[in-house]
């Protein structure tokens, strides 16, 4: 039986990877859309508590998403309240 061996990571390297990746990145399925909106300056629609909030992401933090729109210069949404995100 021929098994391929995978290189093992040292504890220091593993800790560095855990610090580099935000904790919320793996837990939220729509982070990719929010990050794309931030990077490409494209609009998204964020759904929370039965409401649709259109805008463009200007900042992402561990607890909140900040948007801007034609009507409002600053919209701050709690991440744990977000039900979904739609984007192009």
C-alpha atoms as a PDB file:
ATOM      1  CA  UNK A   1       0.000   0.000   0.000  1.00  0.00           C
ATOM      2  CA  UNK A   2       1.502   3.277  -1.125  1.00  0.00           C
ATOM      3  CA  UNK A   3       0.286   6.311   0.840  1.00  0.00           C
ATOM      4  CA  UNK A   4       1.173   9.853  -0.002  1.00  0.00           C
ATOM      5  CA  UNK A   5       2.392  11.829   2.957  1.00  0.00           C
ATOM      6  CA  UNK A   6       1.163  15.328   3.527  1.00  0.00           C
ATOM      7  CA  UNK A   7       3.578  17.828   4.968  1.00  0.00           C
ATOM      8  CA  UNK A   8       2.643  18.702   8.508  1.00  0.00           C
ATOM      9  CA  UNK A   9       2.369  22.284   9.640  1.00  0.00           C
ATOM     10  CA  UNK A  10       4.226  23.428  12.679  1.00  0.00           C
ATOM     11  CA  UNK A  11       2.242  24.938  15.526  1.00  0.00           C
ATOM     12  CA  UNK A  12       3.622  28.386  14.690  1.00  0.00           C
ATOM     13  CA  UNK A  13       2.561  28.165  11.052  1.00  0.00           C
ATOM     14  CA  UNK A  14      -0.891  26.931  12.025  1.00  0.00           C
ATOM     15  CA  UNK A  15      -1.312  29.804  14.488  1.00  0.00           C
ATOM     16  CA  UNK A  16      -0.251  32.302  11.816  1.00  0.00           C
ATOM     17  CA  UNK A  17      -2.885  30.927   9.424  1.00  0.00           C
ATOM     18  CA  UNK A  18      -5.595  31.144  12.069  1.00  0.00           C
ATOM     19  CA  UNK A  19      -4.729  34.764  12.854  1.00  0.00           C
ATOM     20  CA  UNK A  20      -4.549  35.773   9.195  1.00  0.00           C
ATOM     21  CA  UNK A  21      -8.036  34.492   8.343  1.00  0.00           C
ATOM     22  CA  UNK A  22     -10.912  36.368   9.968  1.00  0.00           C
ATOM     23  CA  UNK A  23     -13.126  34.225  12.165  1.00  0.00           C
ATOM     24  CA  UNK A  24     -16.287  35.332  10.392  1.00  0.00           C
ATOM     25  CA  UNK A  25     -15.016  34.373   6.938  1.00  0.00           C
ATOM     26  CA  UNK A  26     -15.734  30.678   7.343  1.00  0.00           C
ATOM     27  CA  UNK A  27     -18.992  31.077   9.216  1.00  0.00           C
ATOM     28  CA  UNK A  28     -20.913  33.282   6.775  1.00  0.00           C
ATOM     29  CA  UNK A  29     -21.742  32.003   3.303  1.00  0.00           C
ATOM     30  CA  UNK A  30     -22.189  35.499   1.806  1.00  0.00           C
ATOM     31  CA  UNK A  31     -18.815  36.985   2.782  1.00  0.00           C
ATOM     32  CA  UNK A  32     -17.553  36.412  -0.756  1.00  0.00           C
ATOM     33  CA  UNK A  33     -20.218  38.768  -2.162  1.00  0.00           C
ATOM     34  CA  UNK A  34     -19.517  41.431   0.451  1.00  0.00           C
ATOM     35  CA  UNK A  35     -15.778  41.313  -0.194  1.00  0.00           C
ATOM     36  CA  UNK A  36     -16.353  41.477  -3.972  1.00  0.00           C
ATOM     37  CA  UNK A  37     -18.528  44.564  -3.495  1.00  0.00           C
ATOM     38  CA  UNK A  38     -15.795  46.177  -1.411  1.00  0.00           C
ATOM     39  CA  UNK A  39     -13.036  45.320  -3.882  1.00  0.00           C
ATOM     40  CA  UNK A  40     -14.851  45.964  -7.177  1.00  0.00           C
ATOM     41  CA  UNK A  41     -17.076  48.807  -5.925  1.00  0.00           C
ATOM     42  CA  UNK A  42     -20.205  47.001  -7.109  1.00  0.00           C
ATOM     43  CA  UNK A  43     -23.600  47.203  -5.490  1.00  0.00           C
ATOM     44  CA  UNK A  44     -25.266  44.540  -3.378  1.00  0.00           C
ATOM     45  CA  UNK A  45     -28.629  44.104  -1.718  1.00  0.00           C
ATOM     46  CA  UNK A  46     -28.443  43.036   1.928  1.00  0.00           C
ATOM     47  CA  UNK A  47     -31.534  41.365   3.363  1.00  0.00           C
ATOM     48  CA  UNK A  48     -32.235  41.609   7.066  1.00  0.00           C
ATOM     49  CA  UNK A  49     -35.381  41.172   9.112  1.00  0.00           C
ATOM     50  CA  UNK A  50     -37.671  41.312   6.093  1.00  0.00           C
ATOM     51  CA  UNK A  51     -36.096  44.445   4.610  1.00  0.00           C
ATOM     52  CA  UNK A  52     -33.877  44.913   1.568  1.00  0.00           C
ATOM     53  CA  UNK A  53     -31.033  47.426   1.908  1.00  0.00           C
ATOM     54  CA  UNK A  54     -29.277  48.266  -1.381  1.00  0.00           C
ATOM     55  CA  UNK A  55     -25.824  49.796  -1.360  1.00  0.00           C
ATOM     56  CA  UNK A  56     -22.117  49.384  -1.965  1.00  0.00           C
ATOM     57  CA  UNK A  57     -19.826  47.989   0.741  1.00  0.00           C
ATOM     58  CA  UNK A  58     -17.328  50.556   2.014  1.00  0.00           C
ATOM     59  CA  UNK A  59     -15.969  48.710   5.062  1.00  0.00           C
ATOM     60  CA  UNK A  60     -16.119  45.242   6.624  1.00  0.00           C
ATOM     61  CA  UNK A  61     -15.452  44.579  10.292  1.00  0.00           C
ATOM     62  CA  UNK A  62     -15.909  41.499  12.450  1.00  0.00           C
ATOM     63  CA  UNK A  63     -19.211  42.843  13.833  1.00  0.00           C
ATOM     64  CA  UNK A  64     -20.626  45.075  11.101  1.00  0.00           C
ATOM     65  CA  UNK A  65     -20.906  45.863   7.399  1.00  0.00           C
ATOM     66  CA  UNK A  66     -20.805  49.487   6.308  1.00  0.00           C
ATOM     67  CA  UNK A  67     -22.595  50.470   3.094  1.00  0.00           C
ATOM     68  CA  UNK A  68     -23.162  53.644   1.143  1.00  0.00           C
ATOM     69  CA  UNK A  69     -26.046  54.394  -1.231  1.00  0.00           C
ATOM     70  CA  UNK A  70     -27.551  57.239  -3.246  1.00  0.00           C
ATOM     71  CA  UNK A  71     -29.796  58.225  -0.357  1.00  0.00           C
ATOM     72  CA  UNK A  72     -27.412  57.702   2.564  1.00  0.00           C
ATOM     73  CA  UNK A  73     -23.684  58.238   2.849  1.00  0.00           C
ATOM     74  CA  UNK A  74     -23.297  55.747   5.690  1.00  0.00           C
ATOM     75  CA  UNK A  75     -25.357  52.647   6.523  1.00  0.00           C
ATOM     76  CA  UNK A  76     -24.100  50.302   9.241  1.00  0.00           C
ATOM     77  CA  UNK A  77     -25.579  46.803   9.555  1.00  0.00           C
ATOM     78  CA  UNK A  78     -24.839  44.242  12.263  1.00  0.00           C
ATOM     79  CA  UNK A  79     -23.477  41.030  10.763  1.00  0.00           C
ATOM     80  CA  UNK A  80     -25.554  38.772  12.996  1.00  0.00           C
ATOM     81  CA  UNK A  81     -28.774  40.439  11.755  1.00  0.00           C
ATOM     82  CA  UNK A  82     -28.049  39.777   8.047  1.00  0.00           C
ATOM     83  CA  UNK A  83     -30.250  37.081   6.491  1.00  0.00           C
ATOM     84  CA  UNK A  84     -28.827  37.171   2.969  1.00  0.00           C
ATOM     85  CA  UNK A  85     -26.918  39.086   0.319  1.00  0.00           C
ATOM     86  CA  UNK A  86     -27.543  39.443  -3.419  1.00  0.00           C
ATOM     87  CA  UNK A  87     -25.003  40.788  -5.873  1.00  0.00           C
ATOM     88  CA  UNK A  88     -23.980  40.641  -9.516  1.00  0.00           C
END
